[in-house]
């Protein structure tokens, strides 16, 4: 192994869990360097929700590393696999999404992934797996399933657990890893990236490539980013996520809310800081935890916006949380001066997602109007020009009465 390849391997291994196998990766990198070929680096994303969050960026950042080394990212939008729903990490059968939901979600993915990846034509290829999966007939599917046994499928932890408990497993769920693996065959993947929850699916891709006469892809697994709750993986459905399209103040504020014990996980997976620097930042004897979080918050906002937005978000956070003042900038909501119930008023301001959430926040004393707490969801509110509404610690709006 040359010094250059050794350096690349060291950089690529940072923040990973497993490489299947490192020897094959060295071989592929060496071969590519020798003949000037770009490796094809695969990542599949099922558009099961409209937003990409920081958990998704862990593998996207690794994909970008390969791009920097001259290789081509192949981003597969799983518009067809999303019809089934990935059973990874699920203890129950996922509800099947409609084609309309999937299409709507998929439209947002390239723009959001483009915040991290190099989107130039020579560095990124974007495909939809409906291009080939929708063309399979029954005979093709039967042939595909002949490559896998039921015993092998039941090796998967979630299937094994559900089988032992007597919980139902749909036959369509067995098809999911085969379809994801077939994607690797169709795009001739050299390397596939994924979280540790994708290990089984990605290794199936290796098997199917061998059966097709291809060199099997290298599989690189990444850690799961823990959500804001500090317990479960980051997920929009669990509400413990930081979205890549969150506004700078929200993104910064969410970072400031994480527990100290998550700092190393976030710095390692979401930044390019050295291990030595991270060790210094997460050591309370060398760096105060708040100082470390402020740095992390600024770094993430700057990644997805710019330095000015990062500094502004930090200043606004300090003003609102440390000094108890209102932010300088907040959304302006247009509303009539007609009296309205407090819960409907908060919902109309766009600071909650539903009337029930508005009532809950009011009962929890988390709603203020011009600094005064509102206790009764049914209290009558008469909107006034310039009125400031606050929900929780981070959400504000100013009224403009029509």
Protein backbone atom coordinates (compact mmCIF):
# COMPACT_ATOMS: atom_id res chain seq x y z
CA UNK A 1 0.00 0.00 0.00
CA UNK A 2 1.44 3.38 -1.01
CA UNK A 3 1.68 6.28 1.43
CA UNK A 4 -1.02 8.14 -0.51
CA UNK A 5 -3.48 5.24 -0.30
CA UNK A 6 -2.65 4.76 3.40
CA UNK A 7 -3.49 8.43 3.99
CA UNK A 8 -6.80 8.04 2.15
CA UNK A 9 -7.70 4.94 4.16
CA UNK A 10 -6.98 6.75 7.42
CA UNK A 11 -9.25 9.65 6.43
CA UNK A 12 -12.04 7.36 5.20
CA UNK A 13 -11.98 5.22 8.35
CA UNK A 14 -12.60 8.22 10.61
CA UNK A 15 -16.01 7.99 12.22
CA UNK A 16 -16.83 4.57 10.71
CA UNK A 17 -17.90 1.39 12.50
CA UNK A 18 -17.03 -1.42 10.06
CA UNK A 19 -15.59 -1.84 6.57
CA UNK A 20 -16.43 -5.05 4.68
CA UNK A 21 -13.58 -5.35 3.89
CA UNK A 22 -10.70 -2.93 4.40
CA UNK A 23 -8.43 -5.06 2.21
CA UNK A 24 -10.92 -4.83 -0.68
CA UNK A 25 -11.19 -1.06 -0.21
CA UNK A 26 -7.40 -0.73 -0.42
CA UNK A 27 -7.47 -2.86 -3.57
CA UNK A 28 -10.20 -0.75 -5.18
CA UNK A 29 -8.51 2.57 -4.31
CA UNK A 30 -5.16 1.31 -5.61
CA UNK A 31 -6.68 0.02 -8.85
CA UNK A 32 -8.61 3.26 -9.37
CA UNK A 33 -5.46 5.33 -8.83
CA UNK A 34 -3.57 3.17 -11.29
CA UNK A 35 -6.00 3.43 -14.20
CA UNK A 36 -7.63 6.78 -13.43
CA UNK A 37 -11.08 5.24 -12.91
CA UNK A 38 -13.63 6.82 -10.61
CA UNK A 39 -15.05 4.48 -8.00
CA UNK A 40 -18.85 4.49 -7.85
CA UNK A 41 -19.94 5.29 -4.30
CA UNK A 42 -23.55 4.34 -3.61
CA UNK A 43 -25.97 5.75 -1.08
CA UNK A 44 -29.68 5.07 -1.16
CA UNK A 45 -32.26 7.34 0.48
CA UNK A 46 -35.92 6.40 0.66
CA UNK A 47 -38.06 9.56 0.48
CA UNK A 48 -40.31 8.56 3.38
CA UNK A 49 -40.43 12.16 4.67
CA UNK A 50 -39.87 15.52 2.94
CA UNK A 51 -36.82 16.55 4.96
CA UNK A 52 -33.25 15.40 5.41
CA UNK A 53 -31.93 15.78 8.95
CA UNK A 54 -28.46 15.74 10.49
CA UNK A 55 -28.64 11.97 10.89
CA UNK A 56 -28.72 11.62 7.10
CA UNK A 57 -25.72 13.93 6.74
CA UNK A 58 -23.42 11.49 8.55
CA UNK A 59 -23.28 9.22 5.48
CA UNK A 60 -23.58 12.14 3.05
CA UNK A 61 -20.42 13.65 4.56
CA UNK A 62 -18.58 10.35 4.09
CA UNK A 63 -19.77 10.31 0.48
CA UNK A 64 -18.39 13.82 0.05
CA UNK A 65 -15.01 12.56 1.29
CA UNK A 66 -14.95 10.10 -1.59
CA UNK A 67 -15.86 12.91 -3.99
CA UNK A 68 -12.90 14.95 -2.72
CA UNK A 69 -10.70 11.95 -3.54
CA UNK A 70 -11.95 12.11 -7.14
CA UNK A 71 -14.69 9.48 -7.09
CA UNK A 72 -18.33 9.65 -8.18
CA UNK A 73 -21.23 9.68 -5.75
CA UNK A 74 -24.27 7.75 -6.95
CA UNK A 75 -27.27 8.93 -4.95
CA UNK A 76 -30.25 6.64 -5.36
CA UNK A 77 -33.65 8.03 -4.50
CA UNK A 78 -35.58 4.95 -3.45
CA UNK A 79 -38.92 5.95 -4.92
CA UNK A 80 -39.73 2.27 -5.54
CA UNK A 81 -38.29 0.73 -2.37
CA UNK A 82 -40.16 3.39 -0.37
CA UNK A 83 -43.40 1.75 -1.52
CA UNK A 84 -42.44 -1.19 0.71
CA UNK A 85 -40.73 0.69 3.52
CA UNK A 86 -37.38 -0.30 4.98
CA UNK A 87 -37.93 -2.79 7.85
CA UNK A 88 -34.50 -1.90 9.35
CA UNK A 89 -34.83 -1.18 13.05
CA UNK A 90 -38.61 -1.65 12.94
CA UNK A 91 -40.42 -3.93 15.37
CA UNK A 92 -43.64 -3.60 13.40
CA UNK A 93 -44.52 -3.55 9.71
CA UNK A 94 -44.18 -0.07 8.24
CA UNK A 95 -47.27 1.47 6.65
CA UNK A 96 -46.92 1.59 2.87
CA UNK A 97 -46.70 5.10 1.40
CA UNK A 98 -48.62 6.27 -1.65
CA UNK A 99 -46.80 7.07 -4.88
CA UNK A 100 -47.97 10.67 -4.57
CA UNK A 101 -46.43 11.05 -1.09
CA UNK A 102 -43.15 9.56 -2.29
CA UNK A 103 -42.97 11.77 -5.38
CA UNK A 104 -43.59 14.89 -3.31
CA UNK A 105 -40.90 13.96 -0.79
CA UNK A 106 -38.36 12.97 -3.46
CA UNK A 107 -38.48 16.43 -5.06
CA UNK A 108 -36.85 17.98 -2.00
CA UNK A 109 -33.99 15.49 -1.61
CA UNK A 110 -31.57 16.67 -4.30
CA UNK A 111 -31.67 20.29 -3.13
CA UNK A 112 -31.09 19.24 0.46
CA UNK A 113 -28.36 16.68 -0.34
CA UNK A 114 -26.74 19.37 -2.50
CA UNK A 115 -26.01 21.34 0.67
CA UNK A 116 -23.38 18.69 1.41
CA UNK A 117 -22.43 16.95 -1.82
CA UNK A 118 -20.61 18.31 -4.86
CA UNK A 119 -23.42 18.32 -7.45
CA UNK A 120 -21.25 18.79 -10.55
CA UNK A 121 -21.93 16.20 -13.28
CA UNK A 122 -18.53 14.53 -12.95
CA UNK A 123 -18.96 14.06 -9.18
CA UNK A 124 -22.63 13.17 -8.73
CA UNK A 125 -25.04 10.83 -10.47
CA UNK A 126 -28.60 10.80 -9.22
CA UNK A 127 -30.91 7.89 -10.00
CA UNK A 128 -34.38 6.70 -9.04
CA UNK A 129 -34.60 2.96 -8.46
CA UNK A 130 -38.00 2.83 -10.16
CA UNK A 131 -35.94 3.01 -13.38
CA UNK A 132 -35.15 -0.72 -13.06
CA UNK A 133 -37.32 -2.09 -10.26
CA UNK A 134 -40.56 -1.04 -11.97
CA UNK A 135 -39.47 -3.01 -15.03
CA UNK A 136 -39.15 -6.35 -13.22
CA UNK A 137 -41.82 -8.93 -14.06
CA UNK A 138 -42.90 -11.81 -11.83
CA UNK A 139 -40.32 -14.17 -13.34
CA UNK A 140 -37.56 -11.64 -12.61
CA UNK A 141 -38.71 -11.28 -9.00
CA UNK A 142 -38.85 -15.06 -8.51
CA UNK A 143 -35.32 -15.34 -9.87
CA UNK A 144 -34.18 -12.56 -7.50
CA UNK A 145 -35.73 -14.24 -4.46
CA UNK A 146 -33.96 -17.52 -5.32
CA UNK A 147 -30.71 -15.85 -4.20
CA UNK A 148 -31.89 -15.68 -0.57
CA UNK A 149 -33.15 -18.24 1.94
CA UNK A 150 -35.74 -17.70 4.65
CA UNK A 151 -33.14 -18.78 7.23
CA UNK A 152 -30.78 -16.03 6.04
CA UNK A 153 -33.58 -13.45 6.22
CA UNK A 154 -34.39 -14.48 9.78
CA UNK A 155 -30.79 -13.77 10.76
CA UNK A 156 -31.74 -10.12 10.60
CA UNK A 157 -32.21 -8.94 14.18
CA UNK A 158 -35.58 -7.26 13.75
CA UNK A 159 -37.05 -10.18 11.79
CA UNK A 160 -35.66 -12.68 14.31
CA UNK A 161 -37.14 -10.74 17.21
CA UNK A 162 -40.55 -10.41 15.59
CA UNK A 163 -40.55 -14.09 14.59
CA UNK A 164 -39.77 -15.21 18.15
CA UNK A 165 -42.49 -12.96 19.56
CA UNK A 166 -44.99 -14.28 17.03
CA UNK A 167 -45.47 -10.84 15.49
CA UNK A 168 -46.40 -10.78 11.80
CA UNK A 169 -43.74 -10.29 9.10
CA UNK A 170 -45.06 -9.42 5.67
CA UNK A 171 -43.58 -11.30 2.69
CA UNK A 172 -43.11 -7.91 1.01
CA UNK A 173 -40.66 -6.98 3.80
CA UNK A 174 -38.39 -9.85 2.73
CA UNK A 175 -38.23 -8.23 -0.70
CA UNK A 176 -36.79 -4.97 0.61
CA UNK A 177 -33.13 -6.03 1.12
CA UNK A 178 -33.23 -7.86 -2.22
CA UNK A 179 -34.45 -4.75 -4.00
CA UNK A 180 -31.85 -2.56 -2.30
CA UNK A 181 -29.17 -5.10 -3.18
CA UNK A 182 -30.40 -5.19 -6.78
CA UNK A 183 -29.78 -1.43 -6.93
CA UNK A 184 -26.08 -2.18 -6.38
CA UNK A 185 -26.10 -4.63 -9.30
CA UNK A 186 -27.78 -2.15 -11.64
CA UNK A 187 -25.46 0.78 -10.95
CA UNK A 188 -22.34 -1.43 -10.58
CA UNK A 189 -21.53 -0.01 -7.15
CA UNK A 190 -17.93 -0.18 -5.89
CA UNK A 191 -18.67 1.05 -2.37
CA UNK A 192 -21.97 1.34 -0.51
CA UNK A 193 -22.40 3.58 2.52
CA UNK A 194 -25.01 3.30 5.23
CA UNK A 195 -25.76 3.43 8.93
CA UNK A 196 -25.24 0.36 11.06
CA UNK A 197 -28.95 -0.37 10.68
CA UNK A 198 -28.32 -0.89 6.94
CA UNK A 199 -25.59 -3.53 7.32
CA UNK A 200 -27.79 -6.49 6.40
CA UNK A 201 -29.26 -4.76 3.33
CA UNK A 202 -25.85 -3.65 2.06
CA UNK A 203 -24.27 -7.06 2.51
CA UNK A 204 -27.10 -8.55 0.44
CA UNK A 205 -25.90 -6.23 -2.32
CA UNK A 206 -22.48 -7.90 -2.16
CA UNK A 207 -24.09 -11.33 -2.56
CA UNK A 208 -26.21 -10.28 -5.54
CA UNK A 209 -23.23 -8.67 -7.27
CA UNK A 210 -21.21 -11.89 -6.91
CA UNK A 211 -24.11 -13.87 -8.39
CA UNK A 212 -24.15 -11.40 -11.31
CA UNK A 213 -20.41 -11.85 -11.94
CA UNK A 214 -19.47 -8.41 -10.58
CA UNK A 215 -16.78 -7.63 -8.03
CA UNK A 216 -18.67 -7.22 -4.74
CA UNK A 217 -19.02 -3.73 -3.36
CA UNK A 218 -17.18 -2.66 -0.22
CA UNK A 219 -19.67 -1.87 2.56
CA UNK A 220 -18.84 0.94 4.97
CA UNK A 221 -21.12 1.38 7.98
CA UNK A 222 -21.44 4.60 9.94
CA UNK A 223 -22.66 5.15 13.51
CA UNK A 224 -26.23 6.24 14.11
CA UNK A 225 -26.51 9.86 15.18
CA UNK A 226 -28.35 10.01 18.50
CA UNK A 227 -31.35 12.34 18.56
CA UNK A 228 -31.86 15.40 20.73
CA UNK A 229 -33.54 13.23 23.37
CA UNK A 230 -30.22 11.46 23.97
CA UNK A 231 -31.82 8.02 23.71
CA UNK A 232 -33.06 7.05 20.26
CA UNK A 233 -31.64 7.61 16.80
CA UNK A 234 -32.41 10.96 15.21
CA UNK A 235 -35.74 10.76 13.42
CA UNK A 236 -38.35 13.22 12.25
CA UNK A 237 -41.13 10.88 13.36
CA UNK A 238 -39.72 10.97 16.89
CA UNK A 239 -39.39 14.76 16.85
CA UNK A 240 -35.77 14.57 18.07
CA UNK A 241 -34.10 15.90 14.94
CA UNK A 242 -32.21 18.89 13.55
CA UNK A 243 -33.29 19.48 9.96
CA UNK A 244 -30.83 20.71 7.35
CA UNK A 245 -33.46 23.25 6.30
CA UNK A 246 -34.14 24.49 9.86
CA UNK A 247 -33.71 28.25 10.12
CA UNK A 248 -30.35 29.28 11.66
CA UNK A 249 -31.82 30.28 15.07
CA UNK A 250 -33.71 26.97 15.33
CA UNK A 251 -30.69 24.93 14.22
CA UNK A 252 -28.43 26.69 16.71
CA UNK A 253 -30.99 26.47 19.51
CA UNK A 254 -31.47 22.73 19.02
CA UNK A 255 -27.71 22.17 19.24
CA UNK A 256 -27.63 24.12 22.50
CA UNK A 257 -30.33 21.81 23.91
CA UNK A 258 -28.37 18.56 23.57
CA UNK A 259 -26.88 16.92 26.64
CA UNK A 260 -23.15 17.16 27.27
CA UNK A 261 -22.69 13.43 26.76
CA UNK A 262 -23.70 13.74 23.08
CA UNK A 263 -21.03 16.27 22.23
CA UNK A 264 -18.35 13.79 21.17
CA UNK A 265 -20.84 11.93 18.94
CA UNK A 266 -21.92 15.16 17.22
CA UNK A 267 -18.44 16.66 16.79
CA UNK A 268 -17.10 13.39 15.35
CA UNK A 269 -19.94 12.71 12.92
CA UNK A 270 -20.92 16.24 11.89
CA UNK A 271 -17.61 18.13 11.71
CA UNK A 272 -14.11 17.69 10.29
CA UNK A 273 -12.33 18.53 13.54
CA UNK A 274 -9.41 16.29 14.50
CA UNK A 275 -9.79 13.65 17.19
CA UNK A 276 -7.32 15.61 19.33
CA UNK A 277 -9.37 18.81 19.08
CA UNK A 278 -12.60 16.96 19.84
CA UNK A 279 -11.04 15.38 22.92
CA UNK A 280 -10.13 18.86 24.12
CA UNK A 281 -13.63 20.24 23.47
CA UNK A 282 -15.47 17.44 25.30
CA UNK A 283 -13.17 17.56 28.33
CA UNK A 284 -14.89 19.90 30.85
CA UNK A 285 -11.55 20.55 32.50
CA UNK A 286 -10.28 22.11 29.27
CA UNK A 287 -13.45 23.52 27.67
CA UNK A 288 -16.70 24.60 29.31
CA UNK A 289 -19.58 22.55 27.84
CA UNK A 290 -21.49 25.69 26.85
CA UNK A 291 -18.47 27.01 24.97
CA UNK A 292 -18.16 23.71 23.11
CA UNK A 293 -21.87 23.71 22.19
CA UNK A 294 -21.69 27.29 20.93
CA UNK A 295 -18.79 26.29 18.68
CA UNK A 296 -20.70 23.23 17.40
CA UNK A 297 -23.84 25.29 16.79
CA UNK A 298 -21.89 27.91 14.83
CA UNK A 299 -20.11 25.25 12.79
CA UNK A 300 -23.35 23.54 11.76
CA UNK A 301 -25.17 26.77 10.89
CA UNK A 302 -22.17 27.91 8.85
CA UNK A 303 -22.13 24.57 6.98
CA UNK A 304 -25.70 25.01 5.81
CA UNK A 305 -25.89 28.81 5.64
CA UNK A 306 -22.91 31.14 6.18
CA UNK A 307 -20.71 32.66 8.87
CA UNK A 308 -22.88 35.77 9.28
CA UNK A 309 -25.97 33.60 9.96
CA UNK A 310 -23.98 31.52 12.45
CA UNK A 311 -22.81 34.57 14.42
CA UNK A 312 -26.29 36.10 14.35
CA UNK A 313 -27.90 32.87 15.59
CA UNK A 314 -25.43 32.70 18.49
CA UNK A 315 -26.07 36.36 19.41
CA UNK A 316 -29.84 35.90 19.31
CA UNK A 317 -29.60 32.77 21.47
CA UNK A 318 -27.54 34.64 24.07
CA UNK A 319 -30.00 37.54 24.04
CA UNK A 320 -33.10 35.36 24.43
CA UNK A 321 -31.85 32.62 26.77
CA UNK A 322 -29.10 34.21 28.84
CA UNK A 323 -30.58 37.70 29.12
CA UNK A 324 -34.28 36.88 28.81
CA UNK A 325 -34.82 39.38 25.98
CA UNK A 326 -36.71 39.06 22.72
CA UNK A 327 -34.86 38.33 19.47
CA UNK A 328 -34.30 41.25 17.11
CA UNK A 329 -35.71 39.35 14.14
CA UNK A 330 -38.85 37.20 14.21
CA UNK A 331 -41.55 36.16 11.71
CA UNK A 332 -44.28 38.73 11.08
CA UNK A 333 -47.79 37.27 11.07
CA UNK A 334 -50.71 39.09 9.46
CA UNK A 335 -54.00 38.72 11.31
CA UNK A 336 -57.33 40.50 11.67
CA UNK A 337 -58.27 42.28 14.90
CA UNK A 338 -61.23 39.96 15.51
CA UNK A 339 -61.28 38.31 18.98
CA UNK A 340 -60.20 34.66 18.91
CA UNK A 341 -59.60 31.87 21.44
CA UNK A 342 -56.05 31.60 22.77
CA UNK A 343 -55.47 28.14 21.26
CA UNK A 344 -56.73 29.22 17.82
CA UNK A 345 -54.67 32.39 18.10
CA UNK A 346 -51.43 30.45 18.74
CA UNK A 347 -52.23 28.06 15.88
CA UNK A 348 -52.88 30.99 13.52
CA UNK A 349 -49.46 32.38 14.36
CA UNK A 350 -47.89 29.24 12.91
CA UNK A 351 -45.95 28.44 16.08
CA UNK A 352 -47.57 25.03 16.62
CA UNK A 353 -48.64 22.30 14.22
CA UNK A 354 -52.13 21.65 15.57
CA UNK A 355 -54.87 22.98 17.82
CA UNK A 356 -54.26 20.17 20.32
CA UNK A 357 -50.58 21.12 20.53
CA UNK A 358 -51.58 24.76 21.09
CA UNK A 359 -53.83 23.75 23.99
CA UNK A 360 -51.12 21.54 25.46
CA UNK A 361 -48.48 24.27 25.28
CA UNK A 362 -50.85 26.77 26.93
CA UNK A 363 -51.66 24.35 29.76
CA UNK A 364 -47.92 23.80 30.25
CA UNK A 365 -47.48 27.57 30.71
CA UNK A 366 -45.26 27.63 27.61
CA UNK A 367 -47.12 30.44 25.81
CA UNK A 368 -46.57 34.15 26.39
CA UNK A 369 -48.18 37.16 24.77
CA UNK A 370 -46.18 40.36 25.22
CA UNK A 371 -44.29 38.60 27.99
CA UNK A 372 -47.39 37.51 29.94
CA UNK A 373 -48.16 33.80 30.36
CA UNK A 374 -51.48 32.52 29.01
CA UNK A 375 -53.08 29.85 31.17
CA UNK A 376 -56.51 29.22 29.58
CA UNK A 377 -56.72 27.77 26.01
CA UNK A 378 -60.25 29.21 25.73
CA UNK A 379 -59.35 32.72 26.86
CA UNK A 380 -60.37 35.39 24.36
CA UNK A 381 -57.49 37.20 22.67
CA UNK A 382 -57.88 40.39 20.63
CA UNK A 383 -54.92 40.63 18.24
CA UNK A 384 -53.12 43.99 18.26
CA UNK A 385 -50.50 45.47 15.96
CA UNK A 386 -46.96 44.73 17.21
CA UNK A 387 -48.08 42.05 19.69
CA UNK A 388 -45.31 39.48 20.33
CA UNK A 389 -46.22 35.81 20.78
CA UNK A 390 -43.80 33.29 22.26
CA UNK A 391 -44.18 29.50 22.38
CA UNK A 392 -41.57 27.58 24.33
CA UNK A 393 -38.07 28.97 24.48
CA UNK A 394 -37.27 29.42 20.79
CA UNK A 395 -40.40 30.30 18.84
CA UNK A 396 -41.49 33.93 18.44
CA UNK A 397 -43.80 35.87 16.13
CA UNK A 398 -44.81 39.52 15.84
CA UNK A 399 -48.34 40.50 14.74
CA UNK A 400 -49.25 42.81 11.92
CA UNK A 401 -52.96 43.53 12.24
CA UNK A 402 -54.77 43.99 8.94
